[in-house]
Amino acid sequence: SVEDESHQHAGHGGAAEHKAEFGDSPSHIHIIITSDTLDDLSRLARHRAVMDVIEDEVKRLHAIRMTING
């Protein structure tokens, strides 16, 4: 699942610039992944594998928080 957490960072530096450039597009998201496929990977390898898949989508984001459960 993907949760938009932008509202938690609305007053932080860069929020106005993000809104000016990307409109109402999320700036901060939390991705929650449940997958046994990633169990054998290190934490860093899990994050890299996910980032490789969503690379194009994250170009508009300021921050991503990721939780990966097996």
C-alpha atoms as a PDB file:
ATOM      1  CA  SER A   1       0.000   0.000   0.000  1.00  0.00           C
ATOM      2  CA  VAL A   2       1.032   3.608  -0.455  1.00  0.00           C
ATOM      3  CA  GLU A   3       0.147   6.313   2.049  1.00  0.00           C
ATOM      4  CA  ASP A   4       0.459  10.027   1.299  1.00  0.00           C
ATOM      5  CA  GLU A   5       2.185  11.659   4.293  1.00  0.00           C
ATOM      6  CA  SER A   6       2.659  15.069   2.674  1.00  0.00           C
ATOM      7  CA  HIS A   7       0.306  16.764   5.128  1.00  0.00           C
ATOM      8  CA  GLN A   8       2.733  15.921   7.953  1.00  0.00           C
ATOM      9  CA  HIS A   9       5.437  17.994   6.247  1.00  0.00           C
ATOM     10  CA  ALA A  10       3.380  20.913   4.903  1.00  0.00           C
ATOM     11  CA  GLY A  11       5.228  23.547   6.937  1.00  0.00           C
ATOM     12  CA  HIS A  12       8.720  22.208   6.307  1.00  0.00           C
ATOM     13  CA  GLY A  13      11.264  23.811   4.020  1.00  0.00           C
ATOM     14  CA  GLY A  14      10.700  23.012   0.375  1.00  0.00           C
ATOM     15  CA  ALA A  15       6.946  22.429   0.710  1.00  0.00           C
ATOM     16  CA  ALA A  16       6.056  25.620  -1.148  1.00  0.00           C
ATOM     17  CA  GLU A  17       8.607  24.906  -3.883  1.00  0.00           C
ATOM     18  CA  HIS A  18       7.254  21.381  -4.331  1.00  0.00           C
ATOM     19  CA  LYS A  19       3.704  22.684  -4.619  1.00  0.00           C
ATOM     20  CA  ALA A  20       4.800  25.331  -7.149  1.00  0.00           C
ATOM     21  CA  GLU A  21       6.565  22.736  -9.299  1.00  0.00           C
ATOM     22  CA  PHE A  22       4.294  19.702  -8.917  1.00  0.00           C
ATOM     23  CA  GLY A  23       0.944  21.088  -7.736  1.00  0.00           C
ATOM     24  CA  ASP A  24      -0.950  18.799  -5.388  1.00  0.00           C
ATOM     25  CA  SER A  25       1.244  15.806  -6.215  1.00  0.00           C
ATOM     26  CA  PRO A  26       2.443  14.042  -3.014  1.00  0.00           C
ATOM     27  CA  SER A  27       5.843  15.071  -1.674  1.00  0.00           C
ATOM     28  CA  HIS A  28       6.191  12.425   1.065  1.00  0.00           C
ATOM     29  CA  ILE A  29       4.914   8.864   0.859  1.00  0.00           C
ATOM     30  CA  HIS A  30       5.066   5.733   2.975  1.00  0.00           C
ATOM     31  CA  ILE A  31       5.231   2.484   1.031  1.00  0.00           C
ATOM     32  CA  ILE A  32       4.238  -0.696   2.866  1.00  0.00           C
ATOM     33  CA  ILE A  33       5.190  -3.933   1.134  1.00  0.00           C
ATOM     34  CA  THR A  34       4.398  -7.450   2.245  1.00  0.00           C
ATOM     35  CA  SER A  35       6.277 -10.021   0.176  1.00  0.00           C
ATOM     36  CA  ASP A  36       8.106 -13.259   0.880  1.00  0.00           C
ATOM     37  CA  THR A  37      10.071 -12.673  -2.332  1.00  0.00           C
ATOM     38  CA  LEU A  38      12.329 -10.154  -0.599  1.00  0.00           C
ATOM     39  CA  ASP A  39      13.029 -12.270   2.508  1.00  0.00           C
ATOM     40  CA  ASP A  40      16.469 -13.469   1.373  1.00  0.00           C
ATOM     41  CA  LEU A  41      17.714  -9.956   0.608  1.00  0.00           C
ATOM     42  CA  SER A  42      19.467  -7.575   2.980  1.00  0.00           C
ATOM     43  CA  ARG A  43      17.576  -4.460   4.028  1.00  0.00           C
ATOM     44  CA  LEU A  44      19.566  -2.357   1.573  1.00  0.00           C
ATOM     45  CA  ALA A  45      19.005  -4.829  -1.275  1.00  0.00           C
ATOM     46  CA  ARG A  46      15.247  -4.820  -0.548  1.00  0.00           C
ATOM     47  CA  HIS A  47      15.109  -1.043  -0.775  1.00  0.00           C
ATOM     48  CA  ARG A  48      17.173  -1.006  -3.956  1.00  0.00           C
ATOM     49  CA  ALA A  49      14.916  -3.631  -5.552  1.00  0.00           C
ATOM     50  CA  VAL A  50      11.823  -1.564  -4.784  1.00  0.00           C
ATOM     51  CA  MET A  51      13.432   1.690  -5.923  1.00  0.00           C
ATOM     52  CA  ASP A  52      14.451   0.072  -9.219  1.00  0.00           C
ATOM     53  CA  VAL A  53      10.795  -0.728  -9.908  1.00  0.00           C
ATOM     54  CA  ILE A  54       9.367   2.673  -8.965  1.00  0.00           C
ATOM     55  CA  GLU A  55      12.248   4.797 -10.250  1.00  0.00           C
ATOM     56  CA  ASP A  56      10.202   6.916 -12.667  1.00  0.00           C
ATOM     57  CA  GLU A  57       7.376   7.531 -10.210  1.00  0.00           C
ATOM     58  CA  VAL A  58       9.617   8.834  -7.419  1.00  0.00           C
ATOM     59  CA  LYS A  59      11.161  11.682  -9.381  1.00  0.00           C
ATOM     60  CA  ARG A  60       8.413  13.997  -8.102  1.00  0.00           C
ATOM     61  CA  LEU A  61       8.871  13.010  -4.446  1.00  0.00           C
ATOM     62  CA  HIS A  62      10.893  14.637  -1.732  1.00  0.00           C
ATOM     63  CA  ALA A  63      10.904  11.635   0.621  1.00  0.00           C
ATOM     64  CA  ILE A  64       9.923   7.978   0.721  1.00  0.00           C
ATOM     65  CA  ARG A  65       9.493   5.946   3.873  1.00  0.00           C
ATOM     66  CA  MET A  66       9.498   2.216   3.251  1.00  0.00           C
ATOM     67  CA  THR A  67       8.316  -0.676   5.404  1.00  0.00           C
ATOM     68  CA  ILE A  68       8.950  -4.149   4.015  1.00  0.00           C
ATOM     69  CA  ASN A  69       7.448  -7.191   5.719  1.00  0.00           C
ATOM     70  CA  GLY A  70       7.938 -10.809   4.710  1.00  0.00           C
END
